[in-house]
């Protein structure tokens, strides 16, 4: 892992799921959030159980799935996804979040 492609440090804490790291899941969705510059790595589940979320080091994600290194230049406010574990990554700008309704 001497050829580190990310601007962020290897030990940066990122959000992922237990299923990806311990349950045999695979990374299907990645976001690089503009609000706090965080990275998030999710599987292909339709919904994420908040009890399944974990913090891991960015290097742990890359070591688990080296294809994630292809996303090192993903701009803030963008996301990437793929249909299968071996599909190429697709990228796009995240749509703006709708404001919370006030009553």
PDB file of N, CA and C in Angstrom:
ATOM      1  N   UNK A   1       0.832  -1.190   0.000  1.00  0.00           N
ATOM      2  CA  UNK A   1       0.000   0.000   0.000  1.00  0.00           C
ATOM      3  C   UNK A   1       0.880   1.259   0.000  1.00  0.00           C
ATOM      4  N   UNK A   2       2.032   1.158  -0.639  1.00  0.00           N
ATOM      5  CA  UNK A   2       2.933   2.317  -0.711  1.00  0.00           C
ATOM      6  C   UNK A   2       2.451   3.350  -1.715  1.00  0.00           C
ATOM      7  N   UNK A   3       1.610   2.955  -2.645  1.00  0.00           N
ATOM      8  CA  UNK A   3       1.104   3.851  -3.664  1.00  0.00           C
ATOM      9  C   UNK A   3      -0.250   4.411  -3.230  1.00  0.00           C
ATOM     10  N   UNK A   4      -0.257   5.194  -2.142  1.00  0.00           N
ATOM     11  CA  UNK A   4      -1.495   5.712  -1.570  1.00  0.00           C
ATOM     12  C   UNK A   4      -2.041   6.819  -2.458  1.00  0.00           C
ATOM     13  N   UNK A   5      -3.247   6.669  -2.958  1.00  0.00           N
ATOM     14  CA  UNK A   5      -3.823   7.593  -3.920  1.00  0.00           C
ATOM     15  C   UNK A   5      -4.707   8.680  -3.292  1.00  0.00           C
ATOM     16  N   UNK A   6      -5.198   8.437  -2.096  1.00  0.00           N
ATOM     17  CA  UNK A   6      -6.093   9.397  -1.446  1.00  0.00           C
ATOM     18  C   UNK A   6      -5.323  10.588  -0.884  1.00  0.00           C
ATOM     19  N   UNK A   7      -5.961  11.759  -0.899  1.00  0.00           N
ATOM     20  CA  UNK A   7      -5.397  12.935  -0.231  1.00  0.00           C
ATOM     21  C   UNK A   7      -5.535  12.798   1.280  1.00  0.00           C
ATOM     22  N   UNK A   8      -6.549  12.056   1.696  1.00  0.00           N
ATOM     23  CA  UNK A   8      -6.791  11.831   3.117  1.00  0.00           C
ATOM     24  C   UNK A   8      -5.785  10.820   3.662  1.00  0.00           C
ATOM     25  N   UNK A   9      -5.481  10.904   4.967  1.00  0.00           N
ATOM     26  CA  UNK A   9      -4.535   9.946   5.554  1.00  0.00           C
ATOM     27  C   UNK A   9      -5.111   8.535   5.623  1.00  0.00           C
ATOM     28  N   UNK A  10      -4.230   7.572   5.657  1.00  0.00           N
ATOM     29  CA  UNK A  10      -4.629   6.164   5.704  1.00  0.00           C
ATOM     30  C   UNK A  10      -5.487   5.856   6.921  1.00  0.00           C
ATOM     31  N   UNK A  11      -5.221   6.540   8.033  1.00  0.00           N
ATOM     32  CA  UNK A  11      -5.944   6.238   9.270  1.00  0.00           C
ATOM     33  C   UNK A  11      -7.215   7.077   9.454  1.00  0.00           C
ATOM     34  N   UNK A  12      -7.650   7.783   8.410  1.00  0.00           N
ATOM     35  CA  UNK A  12      -8.877   8.561   8.493  1.00  0.00           C
ATOM     36  C   UNK A  12     -10.042   7.638   8.844  1.00  0.00           C
ATOM     37  N   UNK A  13     -10.836   8.012   9.847  1.00  0.00           N
ATOM     38  CA  UNK A  13     -12.013   7.221  10.225  1.00  0.00           C
ATOM     39  C   UNK A  13     -13.117   7.446   9.198  1.00  0.00           C
ATOM     40  N   UNK A  14     -13.649   6.357   8.669  1.00  0.00           N
ATOM     41  CA  UNK A  14     -14.724   6.410   7.690  1.00  0.00           C
ATOM     42  C   UNK A  14     -15.861   5.507   8.160  1.00  0.00           C
ATOM     43  N   UNK A  15     -17.031   5.706   7.603  1.00  0.00           N
ATOM     44  CA  UNK A  15     -18.204   4.931   7.985  1.00  0.00           C
ATOM     45  C   UNK A  15     -18.391   3.783   7.001  1.00  0.00           C
ATOM     46  N   UNK A  16     -18.664   2.606   7.546  1.00  0.00           N
ATOM     47  CA  UNK A  16     -18.987   1.446   6.736  1.00  0.00           C
ATOM     48  C   UNK A  16     -19.965   0.592   7.532  1.00  0.00           C
ATOM     49  N   UNK A  17     -20.076  -0.674   7.163  1.00  0.00           N
ATOM     50  CA  UNK A  17     -21.009  -1.557   7.859  1.00  0.00           C
ATOM     51  C   UNK A  17     -20.321  -2.840   8.309  1.00  0.00           C
ATOM     52  N   UNK A  18     -20.861  -3.418   9.355  1.00  0.00           N
ATOM     53  CA  UNK A  18     -20.349  -4.703   9.837  1.00  0.00           C
ATOM     54  C   UNK A  18     -20.500  -5.773   8.767  1.00  0.00           C
ATOM     55  N   UNK A  19     -21.584  -5.708   8.019  1.00  0.00           N
ATOM     56  CA  UNK A  19     -21.830  -6.727   6.994  1.00  0.00           C
ATOM     57  C   UNK A  19     -20.691  -6.760   5.973  1.00  0.00           C
ATOM     58  N   UNK A  20     -20.200  -5.589   5.591  1.00  0.00           N
ATOM     59  CA  UNK A  20     -19.090  -5.539   4.629  1.00  0.00           C
ATOM     60  C   UNK A  20     -17.826  -6.121   5.242  1.00  0.00           C
ATOM     61  N   UNK A  21     -17.558  -5.787   6.490  1.00  0.00           N
ATOM     62  CA  UNK A  21     -16.294  -6.199   7.099  1.00  0.00           C
ATOM     63  C   UNK A  21     -16.337  -7.560   7.767  1.00  0.00           C
ATOM     64  N   UNK A  22     -17.518  -7.998   8.187  1.00  0.00           N
ATOM     65  CA  UNK A  22     -17.562  -9.268   8.916  1.00  0.00           C
ATOM     66  C   UNK A  22     -18.572 -10.261   8.360  1.00  0.00           C
ATOM     67  N   UNK A  23     -19.435  -9.786   7.467  1.00  0.00           N
ATOM     68  CA  UNK A  23     -20.510 -10.651   7.018  1.00  0.00           C
ATOM     69  C   UNK A  23     -20.452 -11.041   5.562  1.00  0.00           C
ATOM     70  N   UNK A  24     -19.338 -10.766   4.900  1.00  0.00           N
ATOM     71  CA  UNK A  24     -19.203 -11.177   3.518  1.00  0.00           C
ATOM     72  C   UNK A  24     -19.876 -10.261   2.510  1.00  0.00           C
ATOM     73  N   UNK A  25     -20.312  -9.077   2.931  1.00  0.00           N
ATOM     74  CA  UNK A  25     -20.892  -8.131   1.984  1.00  0.00           C
ATOM     75  C   UNK A  25     -19.806  -7.495   1.124  1.00  0.00           C
ATOM     76  N   UNK A  26     -20.202  -6.692   0.168  1.00  0.00           N
ATOM     77  CA  UNK A  26     -19.250  -5.999  -0.700  1.00  0.00           C
ATOM     78  C   UNK A  26     -19.671  -4.543  -0.847  1.00  0.00           C
ATOM     79  N   UNK A  27     -18.734  -3.701  -1.205  1.00  0.00           N
ATOM     80  CA  UNK A  27     -18.979  -2.260  -1.299  1.00  0.00           C
ATOM     81  C   UNK A  27     -19.660  -1.960  -2.629  1.00  0.00           C
ATOM     82  N   UNK A  28     -20.863  -1.401  -2.539  1.00  0.00           N
ATOM     83  CA  UNK A  28     -21.649  -1.075  -3.729  1.00  0.00           C
ATOM     84  C   UNK A  28     -21.850   0.428  -3.885  1.00  0.00           C
ATOM     85  N   UNK A  29     -21.663   1.181  -2.795  1.00  0.00           N
ATOM     86  CA  UNK A  29     -21.954   2.615  -2.814  1.00  0.00           C
ATOM     87  C   UNK A  29     -20.935   3.361  -1.963  1.00  0.00           C
ATOM     88  N   UNK A  30     -20.438   4.472  -2.481  1.00  0.00           N
ATOM     89  CA  UNK A  30     -19.455   5.305  -1.778  1.00  0.00           C
ATOM     90  C   UNK A  30     -19.904   6.754  -1.892  1.00  0.00           C
ATOM     91  N   UNK A  31     -19.830   7.480  -0.794  1.00  0.00           N
ATOM     92  CA  UNK A  31     -20.101   8.918  -0.862  1.00  0.00           C
ATOM     93  C   UNK A  31     -18.950   9.682  -0.217  1.00  0.00           C
ATOM     94  N   UNK A  32     -18.699  10.862  -0.760  1.00  0.00           N
ATOM     95  CA  UNK A  32     -17.685  11.778  -0.225  1.00  0.00           C
ATOM     96  C   UNK A  32     -18.437  13.068   0.090  1.00  0.00           C
ATOM     97  N   UNK A  33     -18.857  13.188   1.334  1.00  0.00           N
ATOM     98  CA  UNK A  33     -19.799  14.220   1.739  1.00  0.00           C
ATOM     99  C   UNK A  33     -19.161  15.605   1.830  1.00  0.00           C
ATOM    100  N   UNK A  34     -19.883  16.587   1.299  1.00  0.00           N
ATOM    101  CA  UNK A  34     -19.385  17.953   1.289  1.00  0.00           C
ATOM    102  C   UNK A  34     -19.483  18.607   2.676  1.00  0.00           C
ATOM    103  N   UNK A  35     -20.500  18.226   3.475  1.00  0.00           N
ATOM    104  CA  UNK A  35     -20.720  18.879   4.768  1.00  0.00           C
ATOM    105  C   UNK A  35     -19.544  18.714   5.718  1.00  0.00           C
ATOM    106  N   UNK A  36     -19.044  17.505   5.838  1.00  0.00           N
ATOM    107  CA  UNK A  36     -17.961  17.245   6.792  1.00  0.00           C
ATOM    108  C   UNK A  36     -16.765  16.541   6.145  1.00  0.00           C
ATOM    109  N   UNK A  37     -16.765  16.460   4.814  1.00  0.00           N
ATOM    110  CA  UNK A  37     -15.676  15.845   4.052  1.00  0.00           C
ATOM    111  C   UNK A  37     -15.458  14.374   4.389  1.00  0.00           C
ATOM    112  N   UNK A  38     -16.509  13.726   4.917  1.00  0.00           N
ATOM    113  CA  UNK A  38     -16.380  12.325   5.317  1.00  0.00           C
ATOM    114  C   UNK A  38     -16.600  11.398   4.126  1.00  0.00           C
ATOM    115  N   UNK A  39     -16.092  10.185   4.281  1.00  0.00           N
ATOM    116  CA  UNK A  39     -16.293   9.107   3.321  1.00  0.00           C
ATOM    117  C   UNK A  39     -17.227   8.094   3.955  1.00  0.00           C
ATOM    118  N   UNK A  40     -18.126   7.528   3.147  1.00  0.00           N
ATOM    119  CA  UNK A  40     -19.017   6.475   3.607  1.00  0.00           C
ATOM    120  C   UNK A  40     -19.013   5.354   2.571  1.00  0.00           C
ATOM    121  N   UNK A  41     -18.978   4.114   3.054  1.00  0.00           N
ATOM    122  CA  UNK A  41     -18.899   2.935   2.197  1.00  0.00           C
ATOM    123  C   UNK A  41     -19.997   1.958   2.607  1.00  0.00           C
ATOM    124  N   UNK A  42     -20.937   1.704   1.689  1.00  0.00           N
ATOM    125  CA  UNK A  42     -22.082   0.854   1.986  1.00  0.00           C
ATOM    126  C   UNK A  42     -22.181  -0.307   1.012  1.00  0.00           C
ATOM    127  N   UNK A  43     -22.925  -1.310   1.420  1.00  0.00           N
ATOM    128  CA  UNK A  43     -23.172  -2.474   0.574  1.00  0.00           C
ATOM    129  C   UNK A  43     -24.367  -2.247  -0.322  1.00  0.00           C
ATOM    130  N   UNK A  44     -24.884  -3.329  -0.848  1.00  0.00           N
ATOM    131  CA  UNK A  44     -26.007  -3.234  -1.787  1.00  0.00           C
ATOM    132  C   UNK A  44     -27.361  -3.467  -1.118  1.00  0.00           C
ATOM    133  N   UNK A  45     -27.419  -3.355   0.208  1.00  0.00           N
ATOM    134  CA  UNK A  45     -28.684  -3.514   0.907  1.00  0.00           C
ATOM    135  C   UNK A  45     -29.592  -2.323   0.590  1.00  0.00           C
ATOM    136  N   UNK A  46     -30.913  -2.554   0.474  1.00  0.00           N
ATOM    137  CA  UNK A  46     -31.812  -1.442   0.180  1.00  0.00           C
ATOM    138  C   UNK A  46     -31.871  -0.410   1.313  1.00  0.00           C
ATOM    139  N   UNK A  47     -31.684  -0.857   2.544  1.00  0.00           N
ATOM    140  CA  UNK A  47     -31.652   0.050   3.692  1.00  0.00           C
ATOM    141  C   UNK A  47     -30.527  -0.368   4.620  1.00  0.00           C
ATOM    142  N   UNK A  48     -29.919   0.615   5.275  1.00  0.00           N
ATOM    143  CA  UNK A  48     -28.827   0.341   6.211  1.00  0.00           C
ATOM    144  C   UNK A  48     -29.367   0.437   7.628  1.00  0.00           C
ATOM    145  N   UNK A  49     -29.147  -0.600   8.401  1.00  0.00           N
ATOM    146  CA  UNK A  49     -29.521  -0.605   9.808  1.00  0.00           C
ATOM    147  C   UNK A  49     -28.468   0.201  10.567  1.00  0.00           C
ATOM    148  N   UNK A  50     -28.892   1.225  11.275  1.00  0.00           N
ATOM    149  CA  UNK A  50     -27.948   2.087  11.987  1.00  0.00           C
ATOM    150  C   UNK A  50     -27.117   1.311  13.010  1.00  0.00           C
ATOM    151  N   UNK A  51     -27.642   0.198  13.511  1.00  0.00           N
ATOM    152  CA  UNK A  51     -26.878  -0.635  14.448  1.00  0.00           C
ATOM    153  C   UNK A  51     -25.758  -1.387  13.745  1.00  0.00           C
ATOM    154  N   UNK A  52     -25.786  -1.422  12.420  1.00  0.00           N
ATOM    155  CA  UNK A  52     -24.769  -2.121  11.641  1.00  0.00           C
ATOM    156  C   UNK A  52     -23.590  -1.212  11.263  1.00  0.00           C
ATOM    157  N   UNK A  53     -23.723   0.099  11.481  1.00  0.00           N
ATOM    158  CA  UNK A  53     -22.670   1.040  11.107  1.00  0.00           C
ATOM    159  C   UNK A  53     -21.452   0.902  12.010  1.00  0.00           C
ATOM    160  N   UNK A  54     -20.271   1.025  11.406  1.00  0.00           N
ATOM    161  CA  UNK A  54     -19.017   0.983  12.159  1.00  0.00           C
ATOM    162  C   UNK A  54     -18.058   2.036  11.611  1.00  0.00           C
ATOM    163  N   UNK A  55     -17.102   2.420  12.428  1.00  0.00           N
ATOM    164  CA  UNK A  55     -15.995   3.277  11.994  1.00  0.00           C
ATOM    165  C   UNK A  55     -14.786   2.394  11.745  1.00  0.00           C
ATOM    166  N   UNK A  56     -14.158   2.585  10.607  1.00  0.00           N
ATOM    167  CA  UNK A  56     -12.936   1.856  10.257  1.00  0.00           C
ATOM    168  C   UNK A  56     -11.967   2.847   9.640  1.00  0.00           C
ATOM    169  N   UNK A  57     -10.722   2.457   9.524  1.00  0.00           N
ATOM    170  CA  UNK A  57      -9.738   3.293   8.859  1.00  0.00           C
ATOM    171  C   UNK A  57      -9.889   3.204   7.346  1.00  0.00           C
ATOM    172  N   UNK A  58      -9.626   4.310   6.668  1.00  0.00           N
ATOM    173  CA  UNK A  58      -9.716   4.318   5.206  1.00  0.00           C
ATOM    174  C   UNK A  58      -8.838   3.235   4.591  1.00  0.00           C
ATOM    175  N   UNK A  59      -7.668   3.006   5.161  1.00  0.00           N
ATOM    176  CA  UNK A  59      -6.795   1.962   4.623  1.00  0.00           C
ATOM    177  C   UNK A  59      -7.432   0.582   4.730  1.00  0.00           C
ATOM    178  N   UNK A  60      -8.229   0.358   5.782  1.00  0.00           N
ATOM    179  CA  UNK A  60      -8.899  -0.941   5.924  1.00  0.00           C
ATOM    180  C   UNK A  60      -9.886  -1.175   4.785  1.00  0.00           C
ATOM    181  N   UNK A  61     -10.553  -0.113   4.352  1.00  0.00           N
ATOM    182  CA  UNK A  61     -11.490  -0.227   3.239  1.00  0.00           C
ATOM    183  C   UNK A  61     -10.728  -0.569   1.959  1.00  0.00           C
ATOM    184  N   UNK A  62      -9.627   0.127   1.717  1.00  0.00           N
ATOM    185  CA  UNK A  62      -8.843  -0.106   0.504  1.00  0.00           C
ATOM    186  C   UNK A  62      -8.225  -1.505   0.516  1.00  0.00           C
ATOM    187  N   UNK A  63      -7.780  -1.950   1.682  1.00  0.00           N
ATOM    188  CA  UNK A  63      -7.217  -3.299   1.773  1.00  0.00           C
ATOM    189  C   UNK A  63      -8.282  -4.363   1.533  1.00  0.00           C
ATOM    190  N   UNK A  64      -9.509  -4.095   1.965  1.00  0.00           N
ATOM    191  CA  UNK A  64     -10.607  -5.035   1.765  1.00  0.00           C
ATOM    192  C   UNK A  64     -11.023  -5.096   0.291  1.00  0.00           C
ATOM    193  N   UNK A  65     -11.036  -3.927  -0.368  1.00  0.00           N
ATOM    194  CA  UNK A  65     -11.464  -3.851  -1.766  1.00  0.00           C
ATOM    195  C   UNK A  65     -10.599  -2.815  -2.481  1.00  0.00           C
ATOM    196  N   UNK A  66      -9.570  -3.281  -3.156  1.00  0.00           N
ATOM    197  CA  UNK A  66      -8.616  -2.377  -3.803  1.00  0.00           C
ATOM    198  C   UNK A  66      -9.240  -1.522  -4.903  1.00  0.00           C
ATOM    199  N   UNK A  67     -10.410  -1.927  -5.434  1.00  0.00           N
ATOM    200  CA  UNK A  67     -11.040  -1.117  -6.477  1.00  0.00           C
ATOM    201  C   UNK A  67     -11.484   0.243  -5.948  1.00  0.00           C
ATOM    202  N   UNK A  68     -11.631   0.369  -4.636  1.00  0.00           N
ATOM    203  CA  UNK A  68     -12.016   1.640  -4.023  1.00  0.00           C
ATOM    204  C   UNK A  68     -10.948   2.710  -4.287  1.00  0.00           C
ATOM    205  N   UNK A  69      -9.709   2.311  -4.466  1.00  0.00           N
ATOM    206  CA  UNK A  69      -8.637   3.276  -4.759  1.00  0.00           C
ATOM    207  C   UNK A  69      -8.916   4.041  -6.056  1.00  0.00           C
ATOM    208  N   UNK A  70      -9.718   3.478  -6.943  1.00  0.00           N
ATOM    209  CA  UNK A  70     -10.094   4.171  -8.170  1.00  0.00           C
ATOM    210  C   UNK A  70     -10.931   5.421  -7.878  1.00  0.00           C
ATOM    211  N   UNK A  71     -11.469   5.511  -6.658  1.00  0.00           N
ATOM    212  CA  UNK A  71     -12.335   6.622  -6.275  1.00  0.00           C
ATOM    213  C   UNK A  71     -11.600   7.678  -5.454  1.00  0.00           C
ATOM    214  N   UNK A  72     -10.287   7.566  -5.350  1.00  0.00           N
ATOM    215  CA  UNK A  72      -9.507   8.489  -4.520  1.00  0.00           C
ATOM    216  C   UNK A  72      -9.690   9.940  -4.948  1.00  0.00           C
ATOM    217  N   UNK A  73      -9.993  10.186  -6.209  1.00  0.00           N
ATOM    218  CA  UNK A  73     -10.179  11.551  -6.699  1.00  0.00           C
ATOM    219  C   UNK A  73     -11.654  11.968  -6.735  1.00  0.00           C
ATOM    220  N   UNK A  74     -12.522  11.196  -6.081  1.00  0.00           N
ATOM    221  CA  UNK A  74     -13.944  11.530  -6.053  1.00  0.00           C
ATOM    222  C   UNK A  74     -14.127  12.873  -5.342  1.00  0.00           C
ATOM    223  N   UNK A  75     -14.670  13.877  -6.027  1.00  0.00           N
ATOM    224  CA  UNK A  75     -14.789  15.202  -5.410  1.00  0.00           C
ATOM    225  C   UNK A  75     -15.768  15.212  -4.238  1.00  0.00           C
ATOM    226  N   UNK A  76     -15.616  16.197  -3.387  1.00  0.00           N
ATOM    227  CA  UNK A  76     -16.590  16.409  -2.317  1.00  0.00           C
ATOM    228  C   UNK A  76     -17.961  16.631  -2.949  1.00  0.00           C
ATOM    229  N   UNK A  77     -18.986  16.028  -2.344  1.00  0.00           N
ATOM    230  CA  UNK A  77     -20.337  16.184  -2.850  1.00  0.00           C
ATOM    231  C   UNK A  77     -20.685  15.217  -3.975  1.00  0.00           C
ATOM    232  N   UNK A  78     -19.820  14.237  -4.199  1.00  0.00           N
ATOM    233  CA  UNK A  78     -20.073  13.240  -5.238  1.00  0.00           C
ATOM    234  C   UNK A  78     -20.241  11.874  -4.602  1.00  0.00           C
ATOM    235  N   UNK A  79     -20.800  10.953  -5.386  1.00  0.00           N
ATOM    236  CA  UNK A  79     -20.944   9.576  -4.941  1.00  0.00           C
ATOM    237  C   UNK A  79     -20.615   8.647  -6.107  1.00  0.00           C
ATOM    238  N   UNK A  80     -20.399   7.380  -5.763  1.00  0.00           N
ATOM    239  CA  UNK A  80     -20.091   6.370  -6.776  1.00  0.00           C
ATOM    240  C   UNK A  80     -20.846   5.100  -6.411  1.00  0.00           C
ATOM    241  N   UNK A  81     -21.190   4.316  -7.424  1.00  0.00           N
ATOM    242  CA  UNK A  81     -21.944   3.091  -7.198  1.00  0.00           C
ATOM    243  C   UNK A  81     -21.600   2.091  -8.289  1.00  0.00           C
ATOM    244  N   UNK A  82     -21.944   0.847  -8.020  1.00  0.00           N
ATOM    245  CA  UNK A  82     -21.770  -0.213  -9.011  1.00  0.00           C
ATOM    246  C   UNK A  82     -22.823  -1.281  -8.773  1.00  0.00           C
ATOM    247  N   UNK A  83     -23.123  -2.030  -9.823  1.00  0.00           N
ATOM    248  CA  UNK A  83     -24.199  -3.015  -9.756  1.00  0.00           C
ATOM    249  C   UNK A  83     -23.760  -4.346  -9.160  1.00  0.00           C
ATOM    250  N   UNK A  84     -22.516  -4.721  -9.388  1.00  0.00           N
ATOM    251  CA  UNK A  84     -21.975  -5.962  -8.842  1.00  0.00           C
ATOM    252  C   UNK A  84     -20.575  -5.677  -8.310  1.00  0.00           C
ATOM    253  N   UNK A  85     -20.027  -6.633  -7.592  1.00  0.00           N
ATOM    254  CA  UNK A  85     -18.694  -6.449  -7.008  1.00  0.00           C
ATOM    255  C   UNK A  85     -17.620  -6.243  -8.071  1.00  0.00           C
ATOM    256  N   UNK A  86     -17.837  -6.741  -9.271  1.00  0.00           N
ATOM    257  CA  UNK A  86     -16.836  -6.611 -10.326  1.00  0.00           C
ATOM    258  C   UNK A  86     -17.204  -5.582 -11.395  1.00  0.00           C
ATOM    259  N   UNK A  87     -18.345  -4.925 -11.243  1.00  0.00           N
ATOM    260  CA  UNK A  87     -18.750  -3.884 -12.204  1.00  0.00           C
ATOM    261  C   UNK A  87     -17.860  -2.658 -12.057  1.00  0.00           C
ATOM    262  N   UNK A  88     -17.710  -1.897 -13.145  1.00  0.00           N
ATOM    263  CA  UNK A  88     -16.973  -0.633 -13.026  1.00  0.00           C
ATOM    264  C   UNK A  88     -17.759   0.368 -12.184  1.00  0.00           C
ATOM    265  N   UNK A  89     -17.031   1.252 -11.527  1.00  0.00           N
ATOM    266  CA  UNK A  89     -17.659   2.297 -10.727  1.00  0.00           C
ATOM    267  C   UNK A  89     -18.289   3.342 -11.637  1.00  0.00           C
ATOM    268  N   UNK A  90     -19.479   3.799 -11.269  1.00  0.00           N
ATOM    269  CA  UNK A  90     -20.142   4.931 -11.927  1.00  0.00           C
ATOM    270  C   UNK A  90     -20.087   6.080 -10.939  1.00  0.00           C
ATOM    271  N   UNK A  91     -19.981   7.292 -11.433  1.00  0.00           N
ATOM    272  CA  UNK A  91     -19.854   8.465 -10.563  1.00  0.00           C
ATOM    273  C   UNK A  91     -20.890   9.520 -10.919  1.00  0.00           C
ATOM    274  N   UNK A  92     -21.215  10.344  -9.936  1.00  0.00           N
ATOM    275  CA  UNK A  92     -22.112  11.461 -10.190  1.00  0.00           C
ATOM    276  C   UNK A  92     -22.146  12.404  -9.005  1.00  0.00           C
ATOM    277  N   UNK A  93     -22.565  13.612  -9.277  1.00  0.00           N
ATOM    278  CA  UNK A  93     -22.724  14.595  -8.215  1.00  0.00           C
ATOM    279  C   UNK A  93     -23.981  14.247  -7.432  1.00  0.00           C
ATOM    280  N   UNK A  94     -23.890  14.305  -6.112  1.00  0.00           N
ATOM    281  CA  UNK A  94     -25.056  14.005  -5.286  1.00  0.00           C
ATOM    282  C   UNK A  94     -26.094  15.110  -5.452  1.00  0.00           C
ATOM    283  N   UNK A  95     -27.363  14.731  -5.524  1.00  0.00           N
ATOM    284  CA  UNK A  95     -28.405  15.762  -5.618  1.00  0.00           C
ATOM    285  C   UNK A  95     -28.459  16.567  -4.319  1.00  0.00           C
ATOM    286  N   UNK A  96     -28.865  17.810  -4.406  1.00  0.00           N
ATOM    287  CA  UNK A  96     -28.957  18.603  -3.171  1.00  0.00           C
ATOM    288  C   UNK A  96     -30.023  18.023  -2.250  1.00  0.00           C
ATOM    289  N   UNK A  97     -29.741  18.101  -0.963  1.00  0.00           N
ATOM    290  CA  UNK A  97     -30.708  17.599   0.014  1.00  0.00           C
ATOM    291  C   UNK A  97     -31.841  18.584   0.151  1.00  0.00           C
ATOM    292  N   UNK A  98     -33.048  18.022   0.273  1.00  0.00           N
ATOM    293  CA  UNK A  98     -34.207  18.882   0.467  1.00  0.00           C
ATOM    294  C   UNK A  98     -34.240  19.376   1.898  1.00  0.00           C
ATOM    295  N   UNK A  99     -34.646  20.618   2.095  1.00  0.00           N
ATOM    296  CA  UNK A  99     -34.733  21.112   3.484  1.00  0.00           C
ATOM    297  C   UNK A  99     -35.782  20.358   4.272  1.00  0.00           C
ATOM    298  N   UNK A 100     -35.532  20.221   5.564  1.00  0.00           N
ATOM    299  CA  UNK A 100     -36.503  19.569   6.444  1.00  0.00           C
ATOM    300  C   UNK A 100     -37.755  20.439   6.522  1.00  0.00           C
ATOM    301  N   UNK A 101     -38.929  19.793   6.430  1.00  0.00           N
ATOM    302  CA  UNK A 101     -40.174  20.597   6.539  1.00  0.00           C
ATOM    303  C   UNK A 101     -40.318  21.146   7.965  1.00  0.00           C
ATOM    304  N   UNK A 102     -40.817  22.352   8.026  1.00  0.00           N
ATOM    305  CA  UNK A 102     -41.066  22.965   9.349  1.00  0.00           C
ATOM    306  C   UNK A 102     -42.569  23.094   9.527  1.00  0.00           C
ATOM    307  N   UNK A 103     -42.998  22.786  10.710  1.00  0.00           N
ATOM    308  CA  UNK A 103     -44.442  22.853  10.991  1.00  0.00           C
ATOM    309  C   UNK A 103     -44.711  23.909  12.004  1.00  0.00           C
TER     310      UNK A 103
END
